[in-house]
Each structure stands twice: as structure tokens, then as C-alpha cells.
Amino acid sequence: MALDDGEFRLKSDEALERLHDALVRASEMHGFESDFGGALTVEFEDPPTKFVVSPNAPVKQIWISAHLKSYKLEWDAARESFILPETGQTLSEVVSSAVSRRLGQTVTLNA
């Protein structure tokens, strides 16, 4: 079942808030910054890099821009999570993988 506009807004806001909280906890150990103001950003210093995670309401997806690539996650009602259809990874797993790749070390996000 597809989400209506209100449900998408609620689910995407909740997912991004949980992800931001997990990123803030991880940033203290791994030396990057995260900010959330409608879109969630993850910034690294050396070399300067920015990942962006944002809801795309018209298509009811969460989009991630990281490593010169775009990931489009869709709501999976059975898993109660936004999922990358190609891999089955959750939002936190996709971002965790991108951050880990950028830092060259494993970063686990429990969002």
C-alpha cells in the first residue's frame, strides 16, 4: 500500500530524525558533522565532502546523494522502513555504508 502525502511526511520525518540522532552519536567517535533542517547533511573535512539525505515528497522516496551517486529509497510497509530496492538495505544501512566507505572504517548507525 502506497503512503499518502501526510503519511509520507510523518514517516520520512521520523526516519530522518532517527538517522540524525544516530549520526550525531557516531560523529563524536568518527570526526564528521551532521545537520538536520528539512534535509539531513553529513559533512567531512579532509577532503571536504558532503552527503545529503532528503525526502522527495512528489515521488514519496528518500533520496541520498553520496560518492557522486544518487540512491532512491522507497517505503516498505512489511519492514516498516525506507528500503533501497536494488539491495534491500535500510536507510541507516545505506548511510552507514556510505560513511564507512568515506572514512575507511566501519561506522554502524543504529537508527
Protein backbone atom coordinates (compact mmCIF):
# COMPACT_ATOMS: atom_id res chain seq x y z
CA MET A 1 0.00 0.00 0.00
CA ALA A 2 1.36 3.40 -1.01
CA LEU A 3 1.68 6.15 1.56
CA ASP A 4 -0.48 9.23 1.21
CA ASP A 5 1.18 12.66 1.45
CA GLY A 6 0.64 13.04 5.20
CA GLU A 7 1.86 9.53 5.99
CA PHE A 8 4.96 10.03 3.85
CA ARG A 9 5.79 13.29 5.60
CA LEU A 10 5.38 11.67 9.01
CA LYS A 11 7.36 8.50 8.19
CA SER A 12 10.16 10.35 6.39
CA ASP A 13 10.49 12.94 9.18
CA GLU A 14 10.67 10.18 11.80
CA ALA A 15 13.22 8.20 9.77
CA LEU A 16 15.44 11.25 9.19
CA GLU A 17 15.26 12.30 12.85
CA ARG A 18 16.31 8.79 13.99
CA LEU A 19 19.10 8.77 11.41
CA HIS A 20 20.29 12.22 12.50
CA ASP A 21 20.38 11.11 16.15
CA ALA A 22 22.47 8.06 15.17
CA LEU A 23 24.80 10.22 13.06
CA VAL A 24 25.31 12.67 15.93
CA ARG A 25 26.28 9.79 18.24
CA ALA A 26 28.66 8.34 15.62
CA SER A 27 30.16 11.72 14.74
CA GLU A 28 31.59 12.08 18.24
CA MET A 29 33.74 8.98 17.66
CA HIS A 30 34.49 9.39 13.95
CA GLY A 31 35.04 13.13 13.39
CA PHE A 32 32.35 14.28 10.99
CA GLU A 33 29.37 16.63 11.34
CA SER A 34 25.66 16.11 10.77
CA ASP A 35 22.90 18.70 10.49
CA PHE A 36 19.15 18.30 10.02
CA GLY A 37 16.91 21.09 8.78
CA GLY A 38 14.44 19.58 6.33
CA ALA A 39 17.29 17.76 4.61
CA LEU A 40 19.96 15.91 6.53
CA THR A 41 23.60 16.62 5.71
CA VAL A 42 26.76 14.78 6.68
CA GLU A 43 29.98 16.76 6.22
CA PHE A 44 33.60 15.62 6.30
CA GLU A 45 36.66 17.88 6.49
CA ASP A 46 39.64 16.33 4.73
CA PRO A 47 38.98 16.22 1.87
CA PRO A 48 35.80 18.29 2.10
CA THR A 49 32.84 16.07 1.27
CA LYS A 50 29.10 16.40 1.83
CA PHE A 51 26.35 13.76 1.73
CA VAL A 52 22.71 14.87 1.53
CA VAL A 53 19.69 12.81 2.62
CA SER A 54 16.33 14.36 1.75
CA PRO A 55 12.69 13.45 1.37
CA ASN A 56 11.23 13.75 -2.12
CA ALA A 57 7.51 14.13 -1.44
CA PRO A 58 6.19 14.07 -5.04
CA VAL A 59 7.53 10.53 -5.57
CA LYS A 60 7.37 9.53 -1.88
CA GLN A 61 11.02 8.49 -1.68
CA ILE A 62 14.03 9.43 0.40
CA TRP A 63 16.97 10.37 -1.78
CA ILE A 64 20.61 10.13 -0.77
CA SER A 65 23.42 11.86 -2.62
CA ALA A 66 26.82 10.39 -1.68
CA HIS A 67 30.02 9.46 -3.54
CA LEU A 68 28.79 11.09 -6.78
CA LYS A 69 25.83 8.70 -6.76
CA SER A 70 22.13 9.01 -6.01
CA TYR A 71 20.18 6.41 -4.03
CA LYS A 72 16.37 6.38 -4.06
CA LEU A 73 14.71 4.60 -1.15
CA GLU A 74 11.06 3.58 -1.05
CA TRP A 75 8.77 2.81 1.87
CA ASP A 76 8.42 -0.90 2.63
CA ALA A 77 5.32 -1.42 4.77
CA ALA A 78 6.27 -5.01 5.67
CA ARG A 79 9.62 -3.86 7.08
CA GLU A 80 8.31 -0.51 8.37
CA SER A 81 11.32 1.20 6.83
CA PHE A 82 12.62 3.03 3.80
CA ILE A 83 14.48 0.49 1.67
CA LEU A 84 16.85 0.67 -1.31
CA PRO A 85 15.02 -1.65 -3.76
CA GLU A 86 18.20 -2.83 -5.53
CA THR A 87 19.81 -4.20 -2.37
CA GLY A 88 17.13 -4.37 0.32
CA GLN A 89 19.26 -2.15 2.58
CA THR A 90 17.50 0.16 5.03
CA LEU A 91 18.09 3.91 5.15
CA SER A 92 20.51 3.60 8.07
CA GLU A 93 22.37 0.74 6.37
CA VAL A 94 22.85 2.73 3.14
CA VAL A 95 24.10 5.80 5.02
CA SER A 96 26.27 3.68 7.33
CA SER A 97 27.88 2.06 4.29
CA ALA A 98 28.49 5.44 2.61
CA VAL A 99 30.00 6.96 5.77
CA SER A 100 32.13 3.85 6.36
CA ARG A 101 33.41 3.98 2.79
CA ARG A 102 34.26 7.68 3.12
CA LEU A 103 36.11 7.20 6.43
CA GLY A 104 37.76 3.90 5.53
CA GLN A 105 36.47 2.32 8.73
CA THR A 106 33.28 0.63 9.86
CA VAL A 107 30.63 3.00 11.18
CA THR A 108 27.43 1.39 12.45
CA LEU A 109 24.34 3.56 12.72
CA ASN A 110 21.56 2.26 14.93
CA ALA A 111 18.68 4.38 13.72
